[in-house]
Amino acid sequence: MRQQPMRREATGHSGVKAPLDERFADEARFFKAWFENPAITGAVSPSGRFLARMMARYVDPASEGPVVELGPGTGPVTQALLQRGVAPERLVLVEFDPAFCRLLERRFPRCQIIQGDAYNLARTLDGVLDGPAAAVVSSLPLLNKPDIERLSLLDQAFGMMRPEGCFIQFTYGMVSPIPRRPKLTTGARFDAEPSPPVWLNLPPARVWVYRPATGAPVVKKRPGEALIIKLRESRDRVRDDLKETAERVETRFRARTERARLEIELRTRKVREDKAFQPALELIRKIGAPKKRRGR
């Protein structure tokens, strides 16, 4: 018997960057979920920050309508979407694992969390969305499913989306996780656009963006336009790399500064408590004390 979707909604979101111990805890949760059911979880660790940012980059925060996320897990892509500028009230998170649902509810209380089957998306989100979706962002392990189920998921997503909406999916493989020329259909049913490889993710990954086929002839970009697009993508990657490096350097600098301060404080305390140093300390105090002026 199929479990009915569990709908939860709350208010408030901190948006604070997850600390290091929280990331380790997420790794452990993901590994446990994968170990218990690898066909559903599909990965032994959450998506990295670089991959999450790449996925969020294809969502326009100024677009209208809700943004649906499939398989959010512990929420790295959710966090990237919020940092991208998507309002938390617009996010609808569809997660199958009840434990992950409870975790998401605590971390993103202003988002709407739906416990249900993402591959039966039309039924899971029946009566949930208040309008056509602007985008569907998926971290589902599509390669674990046959072609017909992948295509069905894409069709369901397109059916609840705005005409200019898109379906965003990441993969660790080199080719599209949704067959670009499926044997079950004749002709192209969608347009697919791959992102540059996300080399800093472990393992390296790629993001694919799918849009409903327009039927219009494809207009090839001029060489100059293609070069400008590549330069912009390289600029964005370098900017993200610099931001990540700056955060890492700042964290290490603060840790070393605090450690040096504690060591100096500890040594100073030892010197003050050691009787052998008392004459020297008394001399330093006398030398440093201001001299009293004599009256005329």
Protein backbone atom coordinates (compact mmCIF):
# COMPACT_ATOMS: atom_id res chain seq x y z
CA MET A 1 0.00 0.00 0.00
CA ARG A 2 1.40 3.36 -0.99
CA GLN A 3 2.24 5.79 1.78
CA GLN A 4 0.37 9.08 1.51
CA PRO A 5 2.51 12.24 1.26
CA MET A 6 3.15 13.96 4.57
CA ARG A 7 2.94 17.74 4.22
CA ARG A 8 4.69 20.06 6.60
CA GLU A 9 5.04 23.80 6.67
CA ALA A 10 6.57 26.18 9.19
CA THR A 11 8.11 29.63 9.46
CA GLY A 12 11.60 31.04 9.89
CA HIS A 13 15.01 30.22 8.39
CA SER A 14 18.43 31.07 9.71
CA GLY A 15 20.49 30.74 6.54
CA VAL A 16 23.65 30.26 8.62
CA LYS A 17 26.46 28.32 7.02
CA ALA A 18 26.68 24.78 8.35
CA PRO A 19 29.60 24.19 10.74
CA LEU A 20 32.19 21.51 10.15
CA ASP A 21 30.75 19.02 12.65
CA GLU A 22 27.34 19.37 10.98
CA ARG A 23 28.86 18.46 7.61
CA PHE A 24 30.45 15.34 9.11
CA ALA A 25 27.08 14.43 10.60
CA ASP A 26 25.46 14.85 7.16
CA GLU A 27 28.07 12.54 5.65
CA ALA A 28 27.23 9.93 8.27
CA ARG A 29 23.47 10.29 7.68
CA PHE A 30 23.90 9.92 3.94
CA PHE A 31 26.14 6.88 4.26
CA LYS A 32 23.64 5.23 6.62
CA ALA A 33 20.74 5.94 4.21
CA TRP A 34 22.76 4.63 1.26
CA PHE A 35 23.79 1.51 3.16
CA GLU A 36 20.18 0.73 4.09
CA ASN A 37 18.74 1.43 0.63
CA PRO A 38 21.29 2.30 -2.09
CA ALA A 39 18.67 2.24 -4.86
CA ILE A 40 16.80 5.17 -3.28
CA THR A 41 19.66 7.26 -1.89
CA GLY A 42 22.01 6.70 -4.84
CA ALA A 43 25.03 8.41 -3.24
CA VAL A 44 27.16 7.89 -0.15
CA SER A 45 27.56 11.63 0.56
CA PRO A 46 25.63 14.89 -0.01
CA SER A 47 26.29 17.13 -2.98
CA GLY A 48 29.32 19.39 -2.54
CA ARG A 49 29.03 23.17 -2.32
CA PHE A 50 30.45 23.73 -5.80
CA LEU A 51 27.97 21.31 -7.36
CA ALA A 52 25.08 22.80 -5.36
CA ARG A 53 26.02 26.31 -6.52
CA MET A 54 26.19 25.15 -10.13
CA MET A 55 22.69 23.69 -9.87
CA ALA A 56 21.31 26.82 -8.22
CA ARG A 57 22.91 29.02 -10.87
CA TYR A 58 20.34 27.86 -13.44
CA VAL A 59 17.40 29.02 -11.30
CA ASP A 60 16.35 32.63 -11.85
CA PRO A 61 15.35 34.03 -8.43
CA ALA A 62 13.32 36.75 -10.19
CA SER A 63 11.11 34.20 -11.99
CA GLU A 64 7.54 33.65 -10.83
CA GLY A 65 6.16 30.49 -9.28
CA PRO A 66 7.39 27.88 -6.80
CA VAL A 67 10.70 26.06 -7.13
CA VAL A 68 10.44 22.30 -6.57
CA GLU A 69 13.45 20.36 -5.30
CA LEU A 70 13.48 16.57 -5.60
CA GLY A 71 15.58 14.47 -3.24
CA PRO A 72 17.04 17.32 -1.14
CA GLY A 73 18.57 14.91 1.40
CA THR A 74 20.32 17.01 4.06
CA GLY A 75 19.78 20.26 2.13
CA PRO A 76 23.03 21.41 0.41
CA VAL A 77 21.20 22.35 -2.80
CA THR A 78 18.40 23.93 -0.76
CA GLN A 79 20.98 26.13 0.96
CA ALA A 80 22.51 27.08 -2.40
CA LEU A 81 19.08 28.05 -3.75
CA LEU A 82 18.46 30.28 -0.74
CA GLN A 83 21.88 31.89 -1.16
CA ARG A 84 21.03 32.38 -4.83
CA GLY A 85 18.12 34.58 -3.72
CA VAL A 86 15.15 32.21 -3.97
CA ALA A 87 12.71 33.03 -1.16
CA PRO A 88 12.26 30.09 1.26
CA GLU A 89 8.47 30.34 0.94
CA ARG A 90 8.81 29.46 -2.75
CA LEU A 91 10.72 26.22 -2.12
CA VAL A 92 8.83 22.92 -2.11
CA LEU A 93 11.08 20.03 -1.03
CA VAL A 94 10.02 16.50 -1.99
CA GLU A 95 11.89 13.88 0.06
CA PHE A 96 11.14 10.16 0.42
CA ASP A 97 13.17 9.46 3.59
CA PRO A 98 11.23 10.42 6.78
CA ALA A 99 14.48 11.05 8.70
CA PHE A 100 15.67 13.52 6.09
CA CYS A 101 12.23 15.18 6.17
CA ARG A 102 12.56 15.82 9.89
CA LEU A 103 16.07 17.19 9.42
CA LEU A 104 14.94 19.49 6.60
CA GLU A 105 12.06 20.76 8.69
CA ARG A 106 14.48 21.81 11.43
CA ARG A 107 16.99 23.41 9.07
CA PHE A 108 14.59 25.11 6.67
CA PRO A 109 11.38 25.74 8.63
CA ARG A 110 10.07 28.33 6.17
CA CYS A 111 10.24 25.91 3.25
CA GLN A 112 7.47 23.42 2.52
CA ILE A 113 8.55 19.80 3.03
CA ILE A 114 6.62 17.00 1.35
CA GLN A 115 7.30 13.38 2.21
CA GLY A 116 6.47 11.32 -0.85
CA ASP A 117 7.56 9.60 -4.04
CA ALA A 118 9.22 12.01 -6.47
CA TYR A 119 8.88 9.56 -9.37
CA ASN A 120 5.11 9.80 -8.95
CA LEU A 121 5.42 13.59 -8.89
CA ALA A 122 1.98 14.51 -10.22
CA ARG A 123 0.24 12.58 -7.44
CA THR A 124 2.71 13.61 -4.72
CA LEU A 125 2.26 17.32 -5.46
CA ASP A 126 -1.45 17.14 -6.23
CA GLY A 127 -3.02 20.25 -4.65
CA VAL A 128 0.31 21.47 -3.22
CA LEU A 129 1.55 24.04 -5.74
CA ASP A 130 -0.20 27.41 -5.84
CA GLY A 131 0.77 27.93 -9.50
CA PRO A 132 3.02 26.65 -12.29
CA ALA A 133 6.56 25.94 -11.08
CA ALA A 134 9.47 28.10 -12.20
CA ALA A 135 11.91 25.18 -12.06
CA VAL A 136 12.38 21.64 -10.80
CA VAL A 137 15.80 20.90 -9.28
CA SER A 138 16.58 17.20 -8.92
CA SER A 139 19.26 15.27 -7.04
CA LEU A 140 17.54 11.93 -7.65
CA PRO A 141 19.64 8.91 -8.73
CA LEU A 142 18.03 8.74 -12.18
CA LEU A 143 20.51 6.17 -13.51
CA ASN A 144 19.05 3.62 -11.06
CA LYS A 145 15.74 3.82 -12.94
CA PRO A 146 14.80 2.52 -16.43
CA ASP A 147 14.45 4.97 -19.30
CA ILE A 148 10.65 4.94 -19.22
CA GLU A 149 10.56 6.12 -15.57
CA ARG A 150 13.09 8.89 -16.21
CA LEU A 151 11.08 10.16 -19.16
CA SER A 152 7.86 9.91 -17.16
CA LEU A 153 9.39 12.04 -14.40
CA LEU A 154 10.47 14.66 -16.91
CA ASP A 155 7.02 14.72 -18.53
CA GLN A 156 5.36 15.15 -15.12
CA ALA A 157 7.74 18.00 -14.27
CA PHE A 158 7.08 19.74 -17.59
CA GLY A 159 3.33 19.34 -17.00
CA MET A 160 3.44 21.42 -13.79
CA MET A 161 5.95 23.99 -15.04
CA ARG A 162 5.78 27.38 -16.68
CA PRO A 163 6.55 27.37 -20.45
CA GLU A 164 9.96 28.92 -19.79
CA GLY A 165 10.69 26.62 -16.84
CA CYS A 166 13.49 24.07 -16.68
CA PHE A 167 14.34 20.72 -15.11
CA ILE A 168 17.80 20.68 -13.50
CA GLN A 169 19.57 17.39 -12.78
CA PHE A 170 23.13 16.52 -11.81
CA THR A 171 25.00 13.37 -12.69
CA TYR A 172 28.41 11.83 -12.08
CA GLY A 173 28.39 10.36 -15.59
CA MET A 174 29.61 11.92 -18.83
CA VAL A 175 26.32 11.68 -20.74
CA SER A 176 22.80 12.94 -20.15
CA PRO A 177 21.04 10.95 -17.39
CA ILE A 178 17.82 11.28 -19.41
CA PRO A 179 18.08 9.65 -22.87
CA ARG A 180 18.37 12.45 -25.42
CA ARG A 181 16.96 10.27 -28.22
CA PRO A 182 14.86 7.67 -26.42
CA LYS A 183 13.70 4.62 -28.34
CA LEU A 184 10.22 5.01 -26.86
CA THR A 185 9.53 8.20 -28.79
CA THR A 186 10.13 9.64 -32.22
CA GLY A 187 12.00 12.91 -32.48
CA ALA A 188 13.23 15.18 -29.71
CA ARG A 189 10.88 15.81 -26.78
CA PHE A 190 13.13 18.22 -24.93
CA ASP A 191 16.19 20.39 -25.30
CA ALA A 192 19.20 19.50 -23.13
CA GLU A 193 22.05 21.77 -22.07
CA PRO A 194 25.07 20.50 -20.08
CA SER A 195 27.09 22.63 -17.66
CA PRO A 196 30.87 22.70 -17.50
CA PRO A 197 32.29 19.85 -15.40
CA VAL A 198 32.37 20.56 -11.67
CA TRP A 199 35.88 19.26 -11.04
CA LEU A 200 36.00 20.40 -7.39
CA ASN A 201 33.12 18.12 -6.46
CA LEU A 202 34.04 14.65 -5.19
CA PRO A 203 33.52 12.82 -7.42
CA PRO A 204 33.47 15.33 -10.32
CA ALA A 205 29.98 15.93 -11.65
CA ARG A 206 28.02 17.77 -14.32
CA VAL A 207 24.64 19.52 -14.34
CA TRP A 208 22.11 19.02 -17.12
CA VAL A 209 19.29 21.48 -17.82
CA TYR A 210 16.20 20.24 -19.71
CA ARG A 211 13.53 22.42 -21.28
CA PRO A 212 10.45 21.48 -23.32
CA ALA A 213 11.26 21.20 -27.01
CA THR A 214 10.10 24.31 -28.82
CA GLY A 215 10.10 22.77 -32.27
CA ALA A 216 11.85 25.83 -33.63
CA PRO A 217 15.12 25.38 -35.54
CA VAL A 218 18.21 25.61 -33.41
CA VAL A 219 20.07 28.85 -34.04
CA LYS A 220 23.80 28.33 -33.80
CA LYS A 221 25.70 30.90 -31.82
CA ARG A 222 28.41 32.86 -33.53
CA PRO A 223 31.99 32.01 -32.43
CA GLY A 224 32.27 35.33 -30.58
CA GLU A 225 29.08 34.69 -28.58
CA ALA A 226 30.21 31.19 -27.62
CA LEU A 227 33.55 32.58 -26.44
CA ILE A 228 31.83 35.25 -24.32
CA ILE A 229 29.60 32.62 -22.70
CA LYS A 230 32.61 30.43 -21.87
CA LEU A 231 34.49 33.41 -20.45
CA ARG A 232 31.53 34.29 -18.24
CA GLU A 233 31.25 30.71 -17.00
CA SER A 234 35.00 30.66 -16.27
CA ARG A 235 34.69 33.99 -14.45
CA ASP A 236 31.87 32.62 -12.26
CA ARG A 237 33.85 29.48 -11.44
CA VAL A 238 36.95 31.51 -10.55
CA ARG A 239 34.84 33.81 -8.37
CA ASP A 240 33.38 30.82 -6.51
CA ASP A 241 36.85 29.31 -6.10
CA LEU A 242 38.23 32.58 -4.71
CA LYS A 243 35.31 32.92 -2.31
CA GLU A 244 35.80 29.37 -1.07
CA THR A 245 39.56 29.90 -0.68
CA ALA A 246 39.04 33.19 1.17
CA GLU A 247 36.64 31.54 3.60
CA ARG A 248 39.07 28.70 4.22
CA VAL A 249 42.04 31.07 4.75
CA GLU A 250 40.02 33.29 7.08
CA THR A 251 38.96 30.29 9.17
CA ARG A 252 42.53 29.03 9.48
CA PHE A 253 43.84 32.52 10.30
CA ARG A 254 41.28 32.98 13.07
CA ALA A 255 42.06 29.55 14.49
CA ARG A 256 45.80 30.20 14.52
CA THR A 257 45.34 33.69 15.99
CA GLU A 258 43.19 32.33 18.78
CA ARG A 259 45.66 29.55 19.48
CA ALA A 260 48.57 32.02 19.63
CA ARG A 261 46.59 34.28 21.99
CA LEU A 262 45.87 31.38 24.33
CA GLU A 263 49.51 30.28 24.32
CA ILE A 264 50.69 33.82 25.16
CA GLU A 265 48.11 34.08 27.93
CA LEU A 266 49.16 30.71 29.36
CA ARG A 267 52.85 31.57 29.30
CA THR A 268 52.20 34.97 30.85
CA ARG A 269 50.23 33.34 33.65
CA LYS A 270 53.06 30.88 34.31
CA VAL A 271 55.61 33.69 34.46
CA ARG A 272 53.47 35.65 36.92
CA GLU A 273 53.04 32.63 39.16
CA ASP A 274 56.73 31.64 39.10
CA LYS A 275 58.56 33.21 42.10
CA ALA A 276 61.85 33.20 40.23
CA PHE A 277 60.50 35.87 37.89
CA GLN A 278 59.08 38.13 40.61
CA PRO A 279 62.19 40.43 40.89
CA ALA A 280 62.27 40.89 37.12
CA LEU A 281 58.54 41.64 36.98
CA GLU A 282 58.88 44.13 39.83
CA LEU A 283 61.72 45.88 37.98
CA ILE A 284 59.62 46.05 34.79
CA ARG A 285 56.74 47.61 36.74
CA LYS A 286 59.04 50.22 38.28
CA ILE A 287 60.59 51.13 34.94
CA GLY A 288 57.19 51.36 33.27
CA ALA A 289 55.54 53.38 36.05
CA PRO A 290 55.30 57.16 35.38
CA LYS A 291 57.53 59.37 37.52
CA LYS A 292 55.90 61.76 39.95
CA ARG A 293 56.60 65.44 39.34
CA ARG A 294 58.16 67.35 42.17
CA GLY A 295 56.41 70.47 43.34
CA ARG A 296 58.15 73.81 42.72
